[in-house]
Structures are given as structure tokens and as C-alpha cells.
PDB file of N, CA and C in Angstrom:
ATOM      1  N   MET A   1     -48.182   3.397   8.686  1.00  0.00           N
ATOM      2  CA  MET A   1     -47.963   3.377  10.109  1.00  0.00           C
ATOM      3  C   MET A   1     -46.561   2.821  10.381  1.00  0.00           C
ATOM      4  N   ASN A   2     -45.784   3.486  11.226  1.00  0.00           N
ATOM      5  CA  ASN A   2     -44.461   3.039  11.598  1.00  0.00           C
ATOM      6  C   ASN A   2     -44.573   2.052  12.760  1.00  0.00           C
ATOM      7  N   THR A   3     -44.151   0.810  12.511  1.00  0.00           N
ATOM      8  CA  THR A   3     -44.246  -0.218  13.551  1.00  0.00           C
ATOM      9  C   THR A   3     -42.907  -0.453  14.252  1.00  0.00           C
ATOM     10  N   THR A   4     -41.897   0.334  13.906  1.00  0.00           N
ATOM     11  CA  THR A   4     -40.594   0.195  14.542  1.00  0.00           C
ATOM     12  C   THR A   4     -40.632   0.819  15.932  1.00  0.00           C
ATOM     13  N   PRO A   5     -40.193   0.081  16.944  1.00  0.00           N
ATOM     14  CA  PRO A   5     -40.176   0.642  18.302  1.00  0.00           C
ATOM     15  C   PRO A   5     -39.261   1.867  18.372  1.00  0.00           C
ATOM     16  N   GLN A   6     -39.615   2.828  19.166  1.00  0.00           N
ATOM     17  CA  GLN A   6     -38.873   4.078  19.271  1.00  0.00           C
ATOM     18  C   GLN A   6     -37.428   3.841  19.738  1.00  0.00           C
ATOM     19  N   TRP A   7     -37.201   2.821  20.548  1.00  0.00           N
ATOM     20  CA  TRP A   7     -35.876   2.539  21.081  1.00  0.00           C
ATOM     21  C   TRP A   7     -34.942   1.876  20.081  1.00  0.00           C
ATOM     22  N   GLN A   8     -35.487   1.350  18.979  1.00  0.00           N
ATOM     23  CA  GLN A   8     -34.677   0.601  18.024  1.00  0.00           C
ATOM     24  C   GLN A   8     -33.816   1.539  17.187  1.00  0.00           C
ATOM     25  N   TYR A   9     -32.548   1.165  17.056  1.00  0.00           N
ATOM     26  CA  TYR A   9     -31.584   1.938  16.272  1.00  0.00           C
ATOM     27  C   TYR A   9     -31.957   1.922  14.794  1.00  0.00           C
ATOM     28  N   ASN A  10     -31.970   3.093  14.177  1.00  0.00           N
ATOM     29  CA  ASN A  10     -32.267   3.208  12.748  1.00  0.00           C
ATOM     30  C   ASN A  10     -30.949   3.286  11.989  1.00  0.00           C
ATOM     31  N   GLU A  11     -30.507   2.153  11.445  1.00  0.00           N
ATOM     32  CA  GLU A  11     -29.216   2.113  10.777  1.00  0.00           C
ATOM     33  C   GLU A  11     -29.190   2.865   9.453  1.00  0.00           C
ATOM     34  N   PHE A  12     -30.312   3.309   8.955  1.00  0.00           N
ATOM     35  CA  PHE A  12     -30.353   4.040   7.690  1.00  0.00           C
ATOM     36  C   PHE A  12     -30.370   5.554   7.880  1.00  0.00           C
ATOM     37  N   LYS A  13     -30.477   6.020   9.123  1.00  0.00           N
ATOM     38  CA  LYS A  13     -30.490   7.453   9.396  1.00  0.00           C
ATOM     39  C   LYS A  13     -29.062   7.988   9.359  1.00  0.00           C
ATOM     40  N   GLN A  14     -28.833   9.037   8.587  1.00  0.00           N
ATOM     41  CA  GLN A  14     -27.510   9.644   8.478  1.00  0.00           C
ATOM     42  C   GLN A  14     -27.179  10.345   9.787  1.00  0.00           C
ATOM     43  N   LEU A  15     -26.133   9.875  10.467  1.00  0.00           N
ATOM     44  CA  LEU A  15     -25.731  10.467  11.742  1.00  0.00           C
ATOM     45  C   LEU A  15     -24.373  11.150  11.662  1.00  0.00           C
ATOM     46  N   GLY A  16     -23.467  10.573  10.927  1.00  0.00           N
ATOM     47  CA  GLY A  16     -22.110  11.112  10.850  1.00  0.00           C
ATOM     48  C   GLY A  16     -21.939  11.961   9.608  1.00  0.00           C
ATOM     49  N   THR A  17     -20.712  12.020   9.164  1.00  0.00           N
ATOM     50  CA  THR A  17     -20.371  12.791   7.979  1.00  0.00           C
ATOM     51  C   THR A  17     -21.006  12.167   6.745  1.00  0.00           C
ATOM     52  N   ASP A  18     -21.576  13.010   5.901  1.00  0.00           N
ATOM     53  CA  ASP A  18     -22.193  12.548   4.661  1.00  0.00           C
ATOM     54  C   ASP A  18     -21.158  12.670   3.542  1.00  0.00           C
ATOM     55  N   TYR A  19     -20.689  11.534   3.042  1.00  0.00           N
ATOM     56  CA  TYR A  19     -19.635  11.522   2.040  1.00  0.00           C
ATOM     57  C   TYR A  19     -20.161  11.535   0.607  1.00  0.00           C
ATOM     58  N   GLU A  20     -21.392  11.963   0.404  1.00  0.00           N
ATOM     59  CA  GLU A  20     -21.901  12.065  -0.961  1.00  0.00           C
ATOM     60  C   GLU A  20     -21.341  13.286  -1.682  1.00  0.00           C
ATOM     61  N   ASP A  21     -20.880  14.274  -0.919  1.00  0.00           N
ATOM     62  CA  ASP A  21     -20.324  15.502  -1.490  1.00  0.00           C
ATOM     63  C   ASP A  21     -18.818  15.329  -1.642  1.00  0.00           C
ATOM     64  N   ILE A  22     -18.314  15.378  -2.868  1.00  0.00           N
ATOM     65  CA  ILE A  22     -16.895  15.122  -3.138  1.00  0.00           C
ATOM     66  C   ILE A  22     -15.996  16.096  -2.401  1.00  0.00           C
ATOM     67  N   SER A  23     -16.426  17.324  -2.178  1.00  0.00           N
ATOM     68  CA  SER A  23     -15.582  18.283  -1.463  1.00  0.00           C
ATOM     69  C   SER A  23     -15.419  17.875   0.002  1.00  0.00           C
ATOM     70  N   VAL A  24     -16.430  17.238   0.586  1.00  0.00           N
ATOM     71  CA  VAL A  24     -16.344  16.731   1.963  1.00  0.00           C
ATOM     72  C   VAL A  24     -15.358  15.562   2.010  1.00  0.00           C
ATOM     73  N   VAL A  25     -15.418  14.707   1.005  1.00  0.00           N
ATOM     74  CA  VAL A  25     -14.495  13.565   0.913  1.00  0.00           C
ATOM     75  C   VAL A  25     -13.058  14.077   0.804  1.00  0.00           C
ATOM     76  N   GLN A  26     -12.831  15.030  -0.071  1.00  0.00           N
ATOM     77  CA  GLN A  26     -11.486  15.563  -0.273  1.00  0.00           C
ATOM     78  C   GLN A  26     -10.952  16.220   0.996  1.00  0.00           C
ATOM     79  N   ALA A  27     -11.789  16.983   1.674  1.00  0.00           N
ATOM     80  CA  ALA A  27     -11.369  17.650   2.914  1.00  0.00           C
ATOM     81  C   ALA A  27     -11.031  16.622   3.996  1.00  0.00           C
ATOM     82  N   TYR A  28     -11.853  15.587   4.125  1.00  0.00           N
ATOM     83  CA  TYR A  28     -11.615  14.538   5.115  1.00  0.00           C
ATOM     84  C   TYR A  28     -10.294  13.819   4.831  1.00  0.00           C
ATOM     85  N   GLU A  29     -10.113  13.400   3.596  1.00  0.00           N
ATOM     86  CA  GLU A  29      -8.906  12.664   3.252  1.00  0.00           C
ATOM     87  C   GLU A  29      -7.662  13.531   3.413  1.00  0.00           C
ATOM     88  N   GLU A  30      -7.767  14.806   3.131  1.00  0.00           N
ATOM     89  CA  GLU A  30      -6.636  15.717   3.325  1.00  0.00           C
ATOM     90  C   GLU A  30      -6.290  15.834   4.813  1.00  0.00           C
ATOM     91  N   ARG A  31      -7.309  15.973   5.669  1.00  0.00           N
ATOM     92  CA  ARG A  31      -7.066  16.043   7.123  1.00  0.00           C
ATOM     93  C   ARG A  31      -6.422  14.758   7.626  1.00  0.00           C
ATOM     94  N   MET A  32      -6.960  13.629   7.215  1.00  0.00           N
ATOM     95  CA  MET A  32      -6.455  12.338   7.692  1.00  0.00           C
ATOM     96  C   MET A  32      -5.040  12.053   7.201  1.00  0.00           C
ATOM     97  N   SER A  33      -4.702  12.530   6.014  1.00  0.00           N
ATOM     98  CA  SER A  33      -3.375  12.245   5.451  1.00  0.00           C
ATOM     99  C   SER A  33      -2.260  12.951   6.212  1.00  0.00           C
ATOM    100  N   LYS A  34      -2.612  13.870   7.091  1.00  0.00           N
ATOM    101  CA  LYS A  34      -1.592  14.550   7.903  1.00  0.00           C
ATOM    102  C   LYS A  34      -1.018  13.629   8.969  1.00  0.00           C
ATOM    103  N   PHE A  35      -1.760  12.597   9.356  1.00  0.00           N
ATOM    104  CA  PHE A  35      -1.248  11.675  10.363  1.00  0.00           C
ATOM    105  C   PHE A  35      -1.430  10.203   9.994  1.00  0.00           C
ATOM    106  N   ARG A  36      -1.952   9.927   8.806  1.00  0.00           N
ATOM    107  CA  ARG A  36      -2.096   8.554   8.320  1.00  0.00           C
ATOM    108  C   ARG A  36      -1.442   8.451   6.959  1.00  0.00           C
ATOM    109  N   ASN A  37      -0.831   7.319   6.704  1.00  0.00           N
ATOM    110  CA  ASN A  37      -0.277   7.052   5.393  1.00  0.00           C
ATOM    111  C   ASN A  37      -1.190   6.022   4.727  1.00  0.00           C
ATOM    112  N   PHE A  38      -2.158   6.528   3.961  1.00  0.00           N
ATOM    113  CA  PHE A  38      -3.159   5.661   3.342  1.00  0.00           C
ATOM    114  C   PHE A  38      -2.518   4.581   2.469  1.00  0.00           C
ATOM    115  N   ASN A  39      -1.527   4.969   1.677  1.00  0.00           N
ATOM    116  CA  ASN A  39      -0.890   3.992   0.781  1.00  0.00           C
ATOM    117  C   ASN A  39      -0.205   2.886   1.572  1.00  0.00           C
ATOM    118  N   ALA A  40       0.511   3.240   2.632  1.00  0.00           N
ATOM    119  CA  ALA A  40       1.191   2.233   3.449  1.00  0.00           C
ATOM    120  C   ALA A  40       0.180   1.309   4.124  1.00  0.00           C
ATOM    121  N   GLU A  41      -0.933   1.886   4.602  1.00  0.00           N
ATOM    122  CA  GLU A  41      -1.977   1.065   5.225  1.00  0.00           C
ATOM    123  C   GLU A  41      -2.545   0.060   4.226  1.00  0.00           C
ATOM    124  N   ALA A  42      -2.857   0.541   3.031  1.00  0.00           N
ATOM    125  CA  ALA A  42      -3.425  -0.343   2.005  1.00  0.00           C
ATOM    126  C   ALA A  42      -2.429  -1.439   1.635  1.00  0.00           C
ATOM    127  N   GLU A  43      -1.174  -1.073   1.433  1.00  0.00           N
ATOM    128  CA  GLU A  43      -0.159  -2.067   1.067  1.00  0.00           C
ATOM    129  C   GLU A  43       0.010  -3.106   2.175  1.00  0.00           C
ATOM    130  N   ALA A  44      -0.066  -2.687   3.432  1.00  0.00           N
ATOM    131  CA  ALA A  44       0.039  -3.635   4.552  1.00  0.00           C
ATOM    132  C   ALA A  44      -1.129  -4.617   4.537  1.00  0.00           C
ATOM    133  N   ILE A  45      -2.318  -4.122   4.226  1.00  0.00           N
ATOM    134  CA  ILE A  45      -3.498  -4.990   4.147  1.00  0.00           C
ATOM    135  C   ILE A  45      -3.364  -5.964   2.975  1.00  0.00           C
ATOM    136  N   PHE A  46      -2.959  -5.456   1.808  1.00  0.00           N
ATOM    137  CA  PHE A  46      -2.785  -6.325   0.638  1.00  0.00           C
ATOM    138  C   PHE A  46      -1.771  -7.426   0.933  1.00  0.00           C
ATOM    139  N   SER A  47      -0.689  -7.052   1.590  1.00  0.00           N
ATOM    140  CA  SER A  47       0.368  -8.017   1.912  1.00  0.00           C
ATOM    141  C   SER A  47      -0.106  -9.042   2.940  1.00  0.00           C
ATOM    142  N   ALA A  48      -0.716  -8.564   4.020  1.00  0.00           N
ATOM    143  CA  ALA A  48      -1.162  -9.470   5.090  1.00  0.00           C
ATOM    144  C   ALA A  48      -2.218 -10.451   4.592  1.00  0.00           C
ATOM    145  N   CYS A  49      -3.075  -9.986   3.701  1.00  0.00           N
ATOM    146  CA  CYS A  49      -4.162 -10.838   3.184  1.00  0.00           C
ATOM    147  C   CYS A  49      -3.778 -11.539   1.888  1.00  0.00           C
ATOM    148  N   LYS A  50      -2.572 -11.267   1.401  1.00  0.00           N
ATOM    149  CA  LYS A  50      -2.082 -11.863   0.152  1.00  0.00           C
ATOM    150  C   LYS A  50      -3.067 -11.626  -1.004  1.00  0.00           C
ATOM    151  N   ILE A  51      -3.515 -10.373  -1.110  1.00  0.00           N
ATOM    152  CA  ILE A  51      -4.472  -9.985  -2.153  1.00  0.00           C
ATOM    153  C   ILE A  51      -3.801 -10.045  -3.524  1.00  0.00           C
ATOM    154  N   ASN A  52      -4.502 -10.650  -4.481  1.00  0.00           N
ATOM    155  CA  ASN A  52      -3.995 -10.656  -5.854  1.00  0.00           C
ATOM    156  C   ASN A  52      -5.142 -10.435  -6.834  1.00  0.00           C
ATOM    157  N   SER A  53      -4.805 -10.435  -8.099  1.00  0.00           N
ATOM    158  CA  SER A  53      -5.769 -10.071  -9.139  1.00  0.00           C
ATOM    159  C   SER A  53      -6.901 -11.071  -9.325  1.00  0.00           C
ATOM    160  N   SER A  54      -6.854 -12.208  -8.654  1.00  0.00           N
ATOM    161  CA  SER A  54      -7.953 -13.180  -8.769  1.00  0.00           C
ATOM    162  C   SER A  54      -8.968 -13.042  -7.635  1.00  0.00           C
ATOM    163  N   HIS A  55      -8.677 -12.194  -6.659  1.00  0.00           N
ATOM    164  CA  HIS A  55      -9.540 -12.070  -5.484  1.00  0.00           C
ATOM    165  C   HIS A  55     -10.709 -11.109  -5.676  1.00  0.00           C
ATOM    166  N   THR A  56     -11.775 -11.404  -4.948  1.00  0.00           N
ATOM    167  CA  THR A  56     -12.923 -10.519  -4.834  1.00  0.00           C
ATOM    168  C   THR A  56     -12.963 -10.047  -3.395  1.00  0.00           C
ATOM    169  N   LEU A  57     -13.083  -8.729  -3.180  1.00  0.00           N
ATOM    170  CA  LEU A  57     -13.065  -8.156  -1.838  1.00  0.00           C
ATOM    171  C   LEU A  57     -14.383  -7.487  -1.488  1.00  0.00           C
ATOM    172  N   LEU A  58     -14.654  -7.444  -0.194  1.00  0.00           N
ATOM    173  CA  LEU A  58     -15.783  -6.686   0.343  1.00  0.00           C
ATOM    174  C   LEU A  58     -15.211  -5.655   1.310  1.00  0.00           C
ATOM    175  N   ASP A  59     -15.475  -4.391   1.061  1.00  0.00           N
ATOM    176  CA  ASP A  59     -15.077  -3.309   1.962  1.00  0.00           C
ATOM    177  C   ASP A  59     -16.342  -2.846   2.678  1.00  0.00           C
ATOM    178  N   ALA A  60     -16.555  -3.351   3.877  1.00  0.00           N
ATOM    179  CA  ALA A  60     -17.748  -3.005   4.657  1.00  0.00           C
ATOM    180  C   ALA A  60     -17.434  -1.805   5.534  1.00  0.00           C
ATOM    181  N   GLY A  61     -18.296  -0.797   5.490  1.00  0.00           N
ATOM    182  CA  GLY A  61     -18.049   0.439   6.224  1.00  0.00           C
ATOM    183  C   GLY A  61     -17.014   1.267   5.488  1.00  0.00           C
ATOM    184  N   THR A  62     -17.202   1.421   4.194  1.00  0.00           N
ATOM    185  CA  THR A  62     -16.181   1.993   3.316  1.00  0.00           C
ATOM    186  C   THR A  62     -15.887   3.477   3.550  1.00  0.00           C
ATOM    187  N   GLY A  63     -16.772   4.194   4.219  1.00  0.00           N
ATOM    188  CA  GLY A  63     -16.501   5.621   4.481  1.00  0.00           C
ATOM    189  C   GLY A  63     -16.377   6.398   3.193  1.00  0.00           C
ATOM    190  N   THR A  64     -15.211   6.994   2.962  1.00  0.00           N
ATOM    191  CA  THR A  64     -15.006   7.789   1.744  1.00  0.00           C
ATOM    192  C   THR A  64     -14.768   6.923   0.526  1.00  0.00           C
ATOM    193  N   GLY A  65     -14.508   5.639   0.736  1.00  0.00           N
ATOM    194  CA  GLY A  65     -14.250   4.736  -0.373  1.00  0.00           C
ATOM    195  C   GLY A  65     -12.789   4.691  -0.799  1.00  0.00           C
ATOM    196  N   TRP A  66     -11.914   5.314  -0.003  1.00  0.00           N
ATOM    197  CA  TRP A  66     -10.510   5.376  -0.387  1.00  0.00           C
ATOM    198  C   TRP A  66      -9.916   3.984  -0.574  1.00  0.00           C
ATOM    199  N   PHE A  67     -10.095   3.101   0.408  1.00  0.00           N
ATOM    200  CA  PHE A  67      -9.512   1.768   0.300  1.00  0.00           C
ATOM    201  C   PHE A  67     -10.090   1.023  -0.900  1.00  0.00           C
ATOM    202  N   ALA A  68     -11.376   1.150  -1.121  1.00  0.00           N
ATOM    203  CA  ALA A  68     -12.007   0.468  -2.260  1.00  0.00           C
ATOM    204  C   ALA A  68     -11.408   0.955  -3.576  1.00  0.00           C
ATOM    205  N   ARG A  69     -11.184   2.249  -3.678  1.00  0.00           N
ATOM    206  CA  ARG A  69     -10.577   2.790  -4.898  1.00  0.00           C
ATOM    207  C   ARG A  69      -9.165   2.245  -5.080  1.00  0.00           C
ATOM    208  N   LYS A  70      -8.408   2.188  -4.008  1.00  0.00           N
ATOM    209  CA  LYS A  70      -7.038   1.664  -4.069  1.00  0.00           C
ATOM    210  C   LYS A  70      -7.060   0.166  -4.411  1.00  0.00           C
ATOM    211  N   ALA A  71      -7.950  -0.577  -3.784  1.00  0.00           N
ATOM    212  CA  ALA A  71      -8.022  -2.025  -3.988  1.00  0.00           C
ATOM    213  C   ALA A  71      -8.504  -2.386  -5.390  1.00  0.00           C
ATOM    214  N   SER A  72      -9.217  -1.489  -6.036  1.00  0.00           N
ATOM    215  CA  SER A  72      -9.755  -1.808  -7.363  1.00  0.00           C
ATOM    216  C   SER A  72      -8.657  -2.119  -8.368  1.00  0.00           C
ATOM    217  N   GLY A  73      -7.463  -1.619  -8.138  1.00  0.00           N
ATOM    218  CA  GLY A  73      -6.345  -1.922  -9.021  1.00  0.00           C
ATOM    219  C   GLY A  73      -5.560  -3.150  -8.601  1.00  0.00           C
ATOM    220  N   GLN A  74      -5.950  -3.773  -7.489  1.00  0.00           N
ATOM    221  CA  GLN A  74      -5.201  -4.898  -6.945  1.00  0.00           C
ATOM    222  C   GLN A  74      -5.943  -6.231  -7.026  1.00  0.00           C
ATOM    223  N   CYS A  75      -7.246  -6.180  -7.266  1.00  0.00           N
ATOM    224  CA  CYS A  75      -8.028  -7.414  -7.228  1.00  0.00           C
ATOM    225  C   CYS A  75      -9.012  -7.456  -8.392  1.00  0.00           C
ATOM    226  N   LYS A  76      -9.644  -8.604  -8.524  1.00  0.00           N
ATOM    227  CA  LYS A  76     -10.580  -8.830  -9.631  1.00  0.00           C
ATOM    228  C   LYS A  76     -11.824  -7.951  -9.498  1.00  0.00           C
ATOM    229  N   GLU A  77     -12.369  -7.914  -8.289  1.00  0.00           N
ATOM    230  CA  GLU A  77     -13.621  -7.191  -8.065  1.00  0.00           C
ATOM    231  C   GLU A  77     -13.673  -6.736  -6.612  1.00  0.00           C
ATOM    232  N   ILE A  78     -14.253  -5.562  -6.388  1.00  0.00           N
ATOM    233  CA  ILE A  78     -14.455  -5.096  -5.017  1.00  0.00           C
ATOM    234  C   ILE A  78     -15.851  -4.524  -4.903  1.00  0.00           C
ATOM    235  N   THR A  79     -16.496  -4.875  -3.793  1.00  0.00           N
ATOM    236  CA  THR A  79     -17.806  -4.305  -3.448  1.00  0.00           C
ATOM    237  C   THR A  79     -17.601  -3.481  -2.193  1.00  0.00           C
ATOM    238  N   ALA A  80     -17.984  -2.215  -2.250  1.00  0.00           N
ATOM    239  CA  ALA A  80     -17.827  -1.310  -1.123  1.00  0.00           C
ATOM    240  C   ALA A  80     -19.224  -0.916  -0.643  1.00  0.00           C
ATOM    241  N   ILE A  81     -19.475  -1.136   0.657  1.00  0.00           N
ATOM    242  CA  ILE A  81     -20.798  -0.815   1.198  1.00  0.00           C
ATOM    243  C   ILE A  81     -20.664   0.025   2.463  1.00  0.00           C
ATOM    244  N   ASP A  82     -21.643   0.830   2.687  1.00  0.00           N
ATOM    245  CA  ASP A  82     -21.737   1.640   3.902  1.00  0.00           C
ATOM    246  C   ASP A  82     -23.188   2.081   4.016  1.00  0.00           C
ATOM    247  N   VAL A  83     -23.591   2.411   5.211  1.00  0.00           N
ATOM    248  CA  VAL A  83     -24.955   2.871   5.412  1.00  0.00           C
ATOM    249  C   VAL A  83     -25.180   4.108   4.568  1.00  0.00           C
TER     250      VAL A  83
END
């Protein structure tokens, strides 16, 4: 029996883009790279947060996982989570 009220938000229900398919990830990142510089964004974050190889990071709402992949070479450990 489902005891969750009908009005309650189901955070586990897939609503947006499903990034489990690598071709969807590649298409998304290609579209975004036309107006975003992913590398510059990541470097700005690393610099502002003074990220180094001893740090452990949490990437919450990781989406395609691009930042987590980039950060994996900059820090000790990264955990990337998303619904």
C-alpha cells in the first residue's frame, strides 16, 4: 500500500533528461559547449575554492557528471550524486 500523499513531490521520479545514455550526455555537452566554456568554469571553481589534491569534494546535482570527471584529476576523492 502506498502511504505517500498524492501532493508530495516524488524526488525519485525521472522528470528531466535521463543521462544514463552516453549518447544523450554527449549531445547535451556538445550543445552546451557552444555557449559555455566548461574548462574555464571548472578552473574558476578550483581556484575560488582553492581545490588541491588533498581535498574531498561532493558534486550534488551532478547532471552529466562533467564537473565530477574534471575534478577527479584535481582532488583526492569526489562523490557525485543526482536523483
